[in-house]
């Protein structure tokens, strides 16, 4: 049976730290291997991306494999033929699928009807590769992640969901501050809490950030939510991460998955300031994803 990476919880708890350590080793030693030699991985993107596409293409090549990019114009994920048929056909062509799409159920169908590994490069529900890169970024500064407090300020979106799962996997305290009506999915939250996640939810960003070592946020209107921009601007008033809010943390570092809307979810001063570690996060996509691919194929 192939391994899949649809959420952070797909990596067993007794292995997830080793994946992180391997990502750090790959980064520090500029590791190149031939693990994927002779293998072709399809990058199927129904949502556009800069960091995700480039980091995966480079990462697959650094592991000796051949990436093939398939855009939304080229793919037919459930449009002109049943997705289950697409899954069975692609399994005859390639050795793995790296998929950036909308609903998580598409990945579930690809797993059910295909017989090659599937990697979640982003869905509306989860963004696990990004948050594994974030875990590496935190680990470089705080080797014992269980001693961290992480604050999430903003929408209870796919990033928030993956941070909730990461709390269960790595044991850190997570405080979410979300406006009313923008909470994370309660089923995702309940499942992670039952697995040991230490999560609190508040309406007050200052409460969430108090004593935090890392402060995270994301755009208020994600891809596909542009029509809600004005509504969300009103709902998220008071949720900008600025210098006053950062000061409530414990020498906190600022994190963002990018792209950013300066002056909206974060102030220019914080984003460009000394507490910002966003460029390390962006780089660490490459290293974390290489370690995930190695976990799948080794």
Protein backbone atom coordinates (compact mmCIF):
# COMPACT_ATOMS: atom_id res chain seq x y z
CA UNK A 1 0.00 0.00 0.00
CA UNK A 2 1.40 3.44 -0.90
CA UNK A 3 1.97 6.08 1.74
CA UNK A 4 0.04 9.33 1.40
CA UNK A 5 0.48 12.77 2.95
CA UNK A 6 -2.94 14.41 3.11
CA UNK A 7 -2.60 15.91 6.60
CA UNK A 8 0.17 16.16 9.16
CA UNK A 9 -1.55 13.41 11.13
CA UNK A 10 -0.77 10.94 8.33
CA UNK A 11 2.80 10.74 9.65
CA UNK A 12 2.76 8.62 12.84
CA UNK A 13 3.68 10.54 15.97
CA UNK A 14 6.73 8.36 16.54
CA UNK A 15 8.03 9.29 13.07
CA UNK A 16 7.05 12.93 12.61
CA UNK A 17 9.98 14.34 14.61
CA UNK A 18 12.37 12.23 12.54
CA UNK A 19 10.93 13.75 9.37
CA UNK A 20 11.62 17.19 10.84
CA UNK A 21 15.18 16.22 11.81
CA UNK A 22 15.76 14.89 8.32
CA UNK A 23 14.49 18.14 6.80
CA UNK A 24 16.97 20.05 8.94
CA UNK A 25 19.78 17.70 7.89
CA UNK A 26 18.85 18.10 4.23
CA UNK A 27 18.95 21.86 4.60
CA UNK A 28 22.21 22.03 6.51
CA UNK A 29 24.05 19.61 4.22
CA UNK A 30 22.44 20.58 0.90
CA UNK A 31 21.43 16.94 0.47
CA UNK A 32 20.88 15.57 -3.02
CA UNK A 33 19.94 11.92 -3.57
CA UNK A 34 18.81 9.54 -6.30
CA UNK A 35 15.85 8.30 -4.27
CA UNK A 36 13.37 9.23 -7.02
CA UNK A 37 15.59 8.22 -9.95
CA UNK A 38 13.39 6.78 -12.69
CA UNK A 39 10.23 8.11 -11.03
CA UNK A 40 7.84 10.72 -12.42
CA UNK A 41 5.72 12.82 -10.08
CA UNK A 42 2.79 14.80 -11.46
CA UNK A 43 2.18 18.26 -9.99
CA UNK A 44 -1.54 18.83 -10.57
CA UNK A 45 -2.43 22.41 -9.68
CA UNK A 46 -6.01 23.66 -9.86
CA UNK A 47 -4.88 26.65 -7.76
CA UNK A 48 -2.00 28.82 -8.91
CA UNK A 49 1.16 29.02 -6.83
CA UNK A 50 4.70 30.34 -6.83
CA UNK A 51 6.38 28.80 -3.76
CA UNK A 52 4.55 25.48 -3.89
CA UNK A 53 5.25 24.80 -7.54
CA UNK A 54 8.90 25.88 -7.53
CA UNK A 55 9.77 24.21 -4.23
CA UNK A 56 8.23 20.90 -5.29
CA UNK A 57 9.74 20.94 -8.78
CA UNK A 58 13.19 21.72 -7.38
CA UNK A 59 12.76 19.23 -4.54
CA UNK A 60 11.74 16.36 -6.83
CA UNK A 61 14.75 17.07 -9.06
CA UNK A 62 17.11 17.23 -6.06
CA UNK A 63 15.90 13.73 -5.16
CA UNK A 64 16.61 12.52 -8.67
CA UNK A 65 13.04 12.44 -9.99
CA UNK A 66 11.19 14.01 -12.88
CA UNK A 67 8.37 16.48 -12.07
CA UNK A 68 5.63 17.08 -14.65
CA UNK A 69 3.47 20.15 -14.07
CA UNK A 70 -0.24 19.96 -14.96
CA UNK A 71 -2.19 23.23 -14.71
CA UNK A 72 -5.90 23.78 -14.16
CA UNK A 73 -6.28 24.23 -17.92
CA UNK A 74 -4.73 20.84 -18.54
CA UNK A 75 -6.27 18.70 -15.80
CA UNK A 76 -9.76 17.27 -15.71
CA UNK A 77 -10.12 16.62 -11.98
CA UNK A 78 -13.78 15.65 -11.96
CA UNK A 79 -14.81 17.91 -14.86
CA UNK A 80 -15.02 15.88 -18.05
CA UNK A 81 -14.70 12.43 -16.54
CA UNK A 82 -15.30 10.95 -13.10
CA UNK A 83 -12.38 11.61 -10.78
CA UNK A 84 -12.13 7.92 -9.98
CA UNK A 85 -11.36 7.27 -13.66
CA UNK A 86 -8.68 9.96 -13.70
CA UNK A 87 -7.08 8.40 -10.61
CA UNK A 88 -6.87 4.99 -12.25
CA UNK A 89 -5.40 6.39 -15.48
CA UNK A 90 -2.78 8.56 -13.79
CA UNK A 91 -1.68 5.59 -11.69
CA UNK A 92 -0.67 3.90 -14.96
CA UNK A 93 1.51 6.87 -16.01
CA UNK A 94 3.22 8.23 -12.93
CA UNK A 95 4.72 7.29 -9.57
CA UNK A 96 3.01 9.93 -7.47
CA UNK A 97 0.63 12.88 -7.43
CA UNK A 98 1.28 16.26 -5.79
CA UNK A 99 -2.07 18.02 -5.86
CA UNK A 100 -3.07 21.63 -5.12
CA UNK A 101 -6.84 21.83 -5.36
CA UNK A 102 -10.07 22.88 -3.66
CA UNK A 103 -11.97 20.25 -1.68
CA UNK A 104 -10.15 17.61 0.36
CA UNK A 105 -12.58 15.01 -1.00
CA UNK A 106 -10.77 15.14 -4.34
CA UNK A 107 -7.63 13.86 -2.67
CA UNK A 108 -9.62 11.18 -0.87
CA UNK A 109 -10.97 9.96 -4.22
CA UNK A 110 -7.50 9.94 -5.79
CA UNK A 111 -6.29 7.83 -2.88
CA UNK A 112 -9.25 5.46 -3.01
CA UNK A 113 -9.14 4.70 -6.72
CA UNK A 114 -5.45 5.19 -7.50
CA UNK A 115 -2.51 3.10 -6.34
CA UNK A 116 0.28 5.70 -6.16
CA UNK A 117 1.17 8.15 -3.37
CA UNK A 118 -0.81 11.39 -3.12
CA UNK A 119 0.63 14.53 -1.50
CA UNK A 120 -1.58 17.41 -0.40
CA UNK A 121 0.04 20.58 -1.74
CA UNK A 122 -3.01 22.57 -0.51
CA UNK A 123 -6.75 22.15 -0.20
CA UNK A 124 -9.47 24.33 1.25
CA UNK A 125 -9.27 22.23 4.43
CA UNK A 126 -5.52 21.76 4.98
CA UNK A 127 -2.09 23.09 4.03
CA UNK A 128 0.17 20.48 5.66
CA UNK A 129 3.33 21.01 3.60
CA UNK A 130 3.41 24.69 4.56
CA UNK A 131 2.92 23.95 8.24
CA UNK A 132 5.61 21.25 8.22
CA UNK A 133 7.91 23.94 6.82
CA UNK A 134 6.73 26.20 9.63
CA UNK A 135 7.55 23.48 12.15
CA UNK A 136 11.08 23.33 10.73
CA UNK A 137 11.36 27.11 10.99
CA UNK A 138 10.29 26.99 14.65
CA UNK A 139 12.46 23.94 15.38
CA UNK A 140 15.55 25.82 14.20
CA UNK A 141 14.93 28.30 17.02
CA UNK A 142 13.18 26.12 19.59
CA UNK A 143 14.38 22.49 19.37
CA UNK A 144 11.79 21.36 21.92
CA UNK A 145 8.58 22.43 20.22
CA UNK A 146 6.50 21.21 23.15
CA UNK A 147 7.77 24.23 25.11
CA UNK A 148 6.36 26.71 22.57
CA UNK A 149 3.23 28.77 22.62
CA UNK A 150 2.02 29.56 19.11
CA UNK A 151 -0.63 32.18 18.37
CA UNK A 152 -2.85 32.15 15.31
CA UNK A 153 -4.57 35.47 14.57
CA UNK A 154 -7.25 35.57 11.88
CA UNK A 155 -9.30 33.15 9.84
CA UNK A 156 -9.82 29.58 11.06
CA UNK A 157 -8.81 28.37 7.60
CA UNK A 158 -6.72 25.56 6.12
CA UNK A 159 -3.57 26.96 7.73
CA UNK A 160 -5.26 27.09 11.12
CA UNK A 161 -6.47 23.51 10.65
CA UNK A 162 -2.94 22.31 9.90
CA UNK A 163 -1.56 24.17 12.92
CA UNK A 164 -4.21 22.45 15.03
CA UNK A 165 -3.00 19.08 13.72
CA UNK A 166 0.61 20.11 14.30
CA UNK A 167 -0.22 20.82 17.93
CA UNK A 168 -1.33 17.21 18.27
CA UNK A 169 1.79 15.97 16.48
CA UNK A 170 4.42 18.14 18.19
CA UNK A 171 2.84 19.04 21.53
CA UNK A 172 3.02 22.85 21.48
CA UNK A 173 0.32 25.12 22.90
CA UNK A 174 -1.81 26.77 20.22
CA UNK A 175 -3.99 29.82 20.89
CA UNK A 176 -6.34 30.83 18.10
CA UNK A 177 -7.96 34.27 17.87
CA UNK A 178 -10.72 34.25 15.26
CA UNK A 179 -13.60 36.65 14.63
CA UNK A 180 -17.06 35.26 15.25
CA UNK A 181 -18.20 33.25 12.26
CA UNK A 182 -14.64 32.41 11.18
CA UNK A 183 -13.75 29.64 13.62
CA UNK A 184 -11.92 26.49 12.52
CA UNK A 185 -13.98 23.42 11.64
CA UNK A 186 -15.16 21.97 14.98
CA UNK A 187 -14.74 18.39 13.76
CA UNK A 188 -11.10 19.02 12.87
CA UNK A 189 -10.53 20.74 16.19
CA UNK A 190 -12.25 18.01 18.23
CA UNK A 191 -10.32 15.24 16.48
CA UNK A 192 -6.98 16.92 17.14
CA UNK A 193 -7.84 17.67 20.77
CA UNK A 194 -8.74 14.01 21.26
CA UNK A 195 -5.26 13.19 19.94
CA UNK A 196 -3.63 15.52 22.45
CA UNK A 197 -3.63 18.94 20.78
CA UNK A 198 -3.45 21.80 23.29
CA UNK A 199 -5.71 24.40 21.69
CA UNK A 200 -7.65 27.39 22.98
CA UNK A 201 -9.97 29.65 21.01
CA UNK A 202 -10.65 33.32 21.75
CA UNK A 203 -12.10 36.41 20.06
CA UNK A 204 -9.30 38.62 21.43
CA UNK A 205 -5.97 38.65 19.55
CA UNK A 206 -4.23 40.12 22.61
CA UNK A 207 -5.23 37.09 24.69
CA UNK A 208 -3.97 34.66 22.05
CA UNK A 209 -0.63 36.48 21.59
CA UNK A 210 0.05 36.98 25.30
CA UNK A 211 3.19 34.99 26.11
CA UNK A 212 3.42 33.50 22.60
CA UNK A 213 6.77 32.66 21.06
CA UNK A 214 5.45 32.61 17.49
CA UNK A 215 2.64 34.69 15.99
CA UNK A 216 1.02 33.52 12.77
CA UNK A 217 -1.54 35.04 10.46
CA UNK A 218 -2.78 34.74 6.88
CA UNK A 219 -4.64 36.85 4.35
CA UNK A 220 -8.21 37.63 5.33
CA UNK A 221 -9.63 36.55 1.96
CA UNK A 222 -7.90 33.53 0.47
CA UNK A 223 -7.90 32.41 -3.15
CA UNK A 224 -11.50 31.93 -4.25
CA UNK A 225 -12.86 34.27 -1.55
CA UNK A 226 -12.20 37.56 -3.35
CA UNK A 227 -15.91 38.38 -3.50
CA UNK A 228 -15.96 38.37 0.33
CA UNK A 229 -13.12 40.89 0.67
CA UNK A 230 -15.15 43.84 1.98
CA UNK A 231 -17.22 41.66 4.30
CA UNK A 232 -14.07 40.09 5.69
CA UNK A 233 -12.32 43.43 6.13
CA UNK A 234 -15.17 44.46 8.41
CA UNK A 235 -15.21 41.17 10.32
CA UNK A 236 -11.43 41.17 10.82
CA UNK A 237 -11.12 44.78 11.98
CA UNK A 238 -8.84 44.73 15.02
CA UNK A 239 -7.08 41.53 13.91
CA UNK A 240 -4.06 43.14 12.24
CA UNK A 241 -0.76 41.93 13.68
CA UNK A 242 1.05 45.17 14.48
CA UNK A 243 3.91 46.17 16.77
CA UNK A 244 1.61 46.68 19.75
CA UNK A 245 0.17 43.18 19.39
CA UNK A 246 3.60 41.58 18.88
CA UNK A 247 4.83 43.26 22.06
CA UNK A 248 2.41 41.08 24.05
CA UNK A 249 4.34 37.97 23.03
CA UNK A 250 7.44 36.48 24.63
CA UNK A 251 10.04 37.98 22.27
CA UNK A 252 7.75 36.59 19.59
CA UNK A 253 8.69 35.86 16.00
CA UNK A 254 6.26 36.71 13.21
CA UNK A 255 5.24 34.07 10.65
CA UNK A 256 3.18 34.19 7.46
CA UNK A 257 2.73 31.61 4.68
CA UNK A 258 2.74 34.27 1.91
CA UNK A 259 1.69 36.02 -0.21
CA UNK A 260 0.98 38.89 2.19
CA UNK A 261 -1.33 41.89 2.15
CA UNK A 262 0.74 44.53 3.92
CA UNK A 263 -1.38 46.89 5.97
CA UNK A 264 -4.20 44.37 6.20
CA UNK A 265 -3.48 41.24 8.24
CA UNK A 266 -0.02 42.53 9.23
CA UNK A 267 1.59 45.95 9.42
CA UNK A 268 4.52 46.87 7.22
CA UNK A 269 6.66 47.44 10.31
CA UNK A 270 6.11 43.91 11.61
CA UNK A 271 6.38 42.17 8.26
CA UNK A 272 9.66 43.89 7.36
CA UNK A 273 10.91 44.08 10.95
CA UNK A 274 13.50 42.04 12.87
CA UNK A 275 10.90 39.68 14.34
CA UNK A 276 9.79 38.48 10.90
CA UNK A 277 11.01 35.03 9.86
CA UNK A 278 8.83 34.68 6.78
CA UNK A 279 11.72 34.18 4.34
CA UNK A 280 13.04 31.24 6.37
CA UNK A 281 9.54 29.76 6.20
CA UNK A 282 9.48 30.18 2.45
CA UNK A 283 12.88 28.53 2.02
CA UNK A 284 11.95 25.69 4.35
CA UNK A 285 9.14 24.59 2.04
CA UNK A 286 11.85 23.01 -0.11
CA UNK A 287 13.55 21.13 2.72
CA UNK A 288 10.40 20.00 4.52
CA UNK A 289 8.85 18.71 1.30
CA UNK A 290 12.00 16.79 0.38
CA UNK A 291 11.86 15.10 3.79
CA UNK A 292 8.17 14.29 3.31
CA UNK A 293 8.87 12.77 -0.11
CA UNK A 294 11.69 10.73 1.39
CA UNK A 295 9.35 9.48 4.13
CA UNK A 296 6.90 8.38 1.44
CA UNK A 297 9.31 6.71 -0.99
CA UNK A 298 12.17 5.40 1.16
